[in-house]
Protein backbone atom coordinates (compact mmCIF):
# COMPACT_ATOMS: atom_id res chain seq x y z
CA MET A 1 -31.48 6.92 50.39
CA ALA A 2 -27.82 7.83 50.87
CA SER A 3 -26.92 4.29 49.85
CA GLY A 4 -28.88 4.72 46.59
CA ASN A 5 -27.07 7.99 45.77
CA LYS A 6 -23.70 6.36 46.44
CA LYS A 7 -24.52 3.49 44.05
CA THR A 8 -25.73 5.96 41.43
CA ASN A 9 -22.55 8.04 41.78
CA ILE A 10 -20.36 4.94 41.42
CA LEU A 11 -22.33 3.81 38.37
CA LEU A 12 -22.08 7.27 36.79
CA SER A 13 -18.34 7.36 37.52
CA VAL A 14 -17.86 4.00 35.80
CA VAL A 15 -19.90 5.13 32.78
CA ALA A 16 -17.91 8.39 32.59
CA LEU A 17 -14.63 6.46 32.74
CA LEU A 18 -15.77 4.14 29.94
CA LEU A 19 -16.78 7.11 27.78
CA LEU A 20 -13.41 8.72 28.44
CA LEU A 21 -11.63 5.53 27.34
CA VAL A 22 -13.74 5.38 24.16
CA CYS A 23 -12.87 9.02 23.39
CA VAL A 24 -9.15 8.48 23.98
CA ARG A 25 -9.17 5.35 21.81
CA SER A 26 -10.95 7.22 19.00
CA ILE A 27 -7.99 9.61 18.92
CA VAL A 28 -5.10 7.23 19.60
CA VAL A 29 -6.03 4.51 17.08
CA PRO A 30 -6.13 6.81 14.00
CA VAL A 31 -2.91 8.60 15.02
CA GLY A 32 -1.10 5.31 15.55
CA PHE A 33 -2.50 3.91 12.32
CA ASP A 34 -1.41 6.94 10.30
CA LYS A 35 2.13 6.80 11.73
CA GLU A 36 2.49 3.07 11.01
CA ARG A 37 0.95 3.51 7.55
CA ARG A 38 3.50 6.20 6.64
CA GLN A 39 6.37 3.97 7.81
CA ARG A 40 5.11 0.97 5.87
CA GLU A 41 4.42 3.03 2.73
CA SER A 42 7.98 4.34 2.87
CA LEU A 43 9.38 0.80 2.90
CA VAL A 44 7.08 -0.26 0.04
CA ARG A 45 8.13 2.79 -2.01
CA GLN A 46 11.82 1.93 -1.47
CA ARG A 47 11.26 -1.55 -2.86
CA LEU A 48 9.19 -0.26 -5.77
CA VAL A 49 11.95 2.20 -6.68
CA ALA A 50 14.45 -0.69 -6.69
CA ILE A 51 12.11 -2.76 -8.91
CA ARG A 52 11.57 0.22 -11.21
CA ASP A 53 15.35 0.74 -11.51
CA ALA A 54 15.71 -2.94 -12.43
CA GLN A 55 12.93 -2.58 -15.01
CA VAL A 56 14.56 0.47 -16.59
CA ARG A 57 17.88 -1.41 -16.92
CA TYR A 58 16.05 -4.44 -18.35
CA MET A 59 14.18 -2.20 -20.81
CA ARG A 60 17.42 -0.60 -22.03
CA GLU A 61 18.94 -4.01 -22.72
CA HIS A 62 15.89 -5.86 -24.10
CA GLY A 63 13.65 -3.16 -25.60
CA ARG A 64 10.71 -4.19 -23.41
CA PHE A 65 9.75 -4.38 -19.77
CA CYS A 66 9.93 -7.67 -17.89
CA GLY A 67 6.70 -9.29 -16.67
CA SER A 68 8.38 -11.48 -14.07
CA LEU A 69 10.08 -10.57 -10.81
CA ASP A 70 11.75 -13.99 -10.87
CA THR A 71 13.36 -13.16 -14.22
CA LEU A 72 14.66 -9.85 -12.89
CA VAL A 73 16.16 -11.69 -9.91
CA ALA A 74 17.62 -14.56 -11.96
CA ALA A 75 19.21 -12.12 -14.42
CA GLY A 76 20.84 -10.23 -11.55
CA TYR A 77 18.89 -7.00 -11.89
CA MET A 78 17.75 -7.11 -8.24
CA ALA A 79 17.84 -9.22 -5.07
CA ASP A 80 15.05 -11.70 -4.36
CA THR A 81 14.15 -9.90 -1.13
CA VAL A 82 13.19 -6.80 -3.13
CA ALA A 83 10.27 -8.71 -4.70
CA VAL A 84 8.61 -9.33 -1.31
CA ILE A 85 6.08 -6.82 0.03
CA PRO A 86 7.13 -5.51 3.47
CA PHE A 87 4.62 -6.65 6.14
CA GLY A 88 2.84 -8.64 3.43
CA GLY A 89 3.24 -12.07 4.98
CA GLY A 90 5.53 -13.26 2.18
CA LYS A 91 3.38 -11.92 -0.67
CA ARG A 92 5.22 -10.56 -3.66
CA PHE A 93 4.59 -7.38 -5.62
CA SER A 94 2.21 -7.77 -8.54
CA ILE A 95 3.80 -7.06 -11.90
CA GLU A 96 2.52 -6.92 -15.46
CA ALA A 97 4.31 -5.98 -18.63
CA GLY A 98 2.93 -5.68 -22.13
CA THR A 99 2.35 -3.17 -24.89
CA ALA A 100 -0.16 -0.42 -25.55
CA VAL A 101 -0.95 1.64 -28.61
CA THR A 102 0.00 5.32 -28.51
CA LYS A 103 -2.14 8.12 -29.96
CA ALA A 104 0.07 7.97 -33.03
CA GLY A 105 -0.77 4.29 -33.47
CA ASN A 106 2.61 2.92 -32.40
CA ARG A 107 2.98 0.05 -29.96
CA GLN A 108 5.09 0.82 -26.91
CA PRO A 109 6.06 -1.23 -23.86
CA THR A 110 4.09 -0.88 -20.64
CA VAL A 111 4.72 -1.99 -17.09
CA GLU A 112 2.80 -1.85 -13.82
CA CYS A 113 4.06 -3.05 -10.46
CA GLY A 114 2.42 -2.55 -7.09
CA ALA A 115 1.27 -3.65 -3.67
CA LEU A 116 -2.27 -3.42 -2.34
CA TYR A 117 -2.98 -1.56 0.90
CA GLU A 118 -4.62 -4.72 2.22
CA ASP A 119 -1.32 -6.56 1.79
CA PHE A 120 1.18 -4.19 3.41
CA LEU A 121 -1.20 -2.73 6.01
CA SER A 122 -2.26 -6.17 7.23
CA GLY A 123 -2.28 -6.51 10.99
CA LEU A 124 -3.29 -2.88 11.53
CA ASP A 125 -6.77 -1.66 12.51
CA ALA A 126 -9.07 -3.40 9.99
CA ALA A 127 -11.61 -0.56 9.87
CA SER A 128 -8.86 1.97 9.11
CA VAL A 129 -7.42 -0.23 6.34
CA ALA A 130 -10.89 -0.70 4.83
CA ASP A 131 -11.40 3.08 4.93
CA VAL A 132 -8.12 3.73 3.07
CA VAL A 133 -9.05 1.15 0.42
CA ALA A 134 -12.59 2.54 0.03
CA LYS A 135 -11.31 6.11 -0.37
CA ALA A 136 -8.86 5.06 -3.10
CA LYS A 137 -11.52 3.11 -4.97
CA ALA A 138 -14.01 6.00 -4.67
CA LYS A 139 -11.44 8.28 -6.34
CA GLY A 140 -10.84 5.72 -9.09
CA GLN A 141 -7.29 5.15 -7.84
CA TYR A 142 -5.26 1.99 -7.42
CA PRO A 143 -5.96 0.74 -3.86
CA GLY A 144 -2.29 0.62 -2.94
CA ILE A 145 1.05 1.91 -4.15
CA ARG A 146 2.40 1.23 -7.62
CA PHE A 147 4.55 2.50 -10.43
CA GLY A 148 3.70 2.43 -14.09
CA ASP A 149 0.35 1.92 -15.74
CA ARG A 150 -0.63 -0.76 -18.24
CA SER A 151 -2.62 1.79 -20.22
CA LYS A 152 0.19 4.39 -20.46
CA PRO A 153 3.04 3.38 -22.75
CA GLY A 154 6.49 3.90 -21.29
CA SER A 155 5.22 5.23 -17.95
CA THR A 156 7.19 4.30 -14.86
CA VAL A 157 5.84 7.10 -12.65
CA GLY A 158 5.05 6.09 -9.09
CA SER A 159 1.64 6.76 -7.56
CA TRP A 160 3.48 8.55 -4.74
CA GLU A 161 5.15 11.01 -7.14
C-alpha cells in the first residue's frame, strides 16, 4: 500500500509541475509577444514616417501623391531599404494613390501606405498575431499600421497618431 501512495504522490507531483509550466507559459508568452510587438511596430512606424515625408515632398512638386515606392526611390525621395517591411521577409509596404471627391465636389489627391500585422509580426506566436488581427477587424480598423486613407482626400495621418 505504501508503494501505491508513493506512485500516486509522484504522479500528482508531475501533474502539478506540468500545470505550473502551463500557467507560467500563459503569462510569459503574452508579455514577450507584447514587448516584441511594440518594438516591431516602432520600426514600422519609423519607415512609414520616412515614406510619408517622401510622399509630401513628391506631392509638393507634382500636385499628386505617388502610387509607387519604386518611383519614390528612383526619383531620390527615399532609400530602397525604406520600402521594405521590417521582419516582413522581404515584403514591401502596400501603397495606393488616387483621387477622391470632397464634400464640396472637388477632386483631391489621396494616398494610403501600410503594413499588415501578419507581415511584420510573422514568426511570433501565431495565436497572438491572429488575435491582434481579429480585434482590429472587429473594430473596423486596418489590420496593421498605415498612414493616409484612400477615402479621405489629402490625409496623411498615421493610424498610430
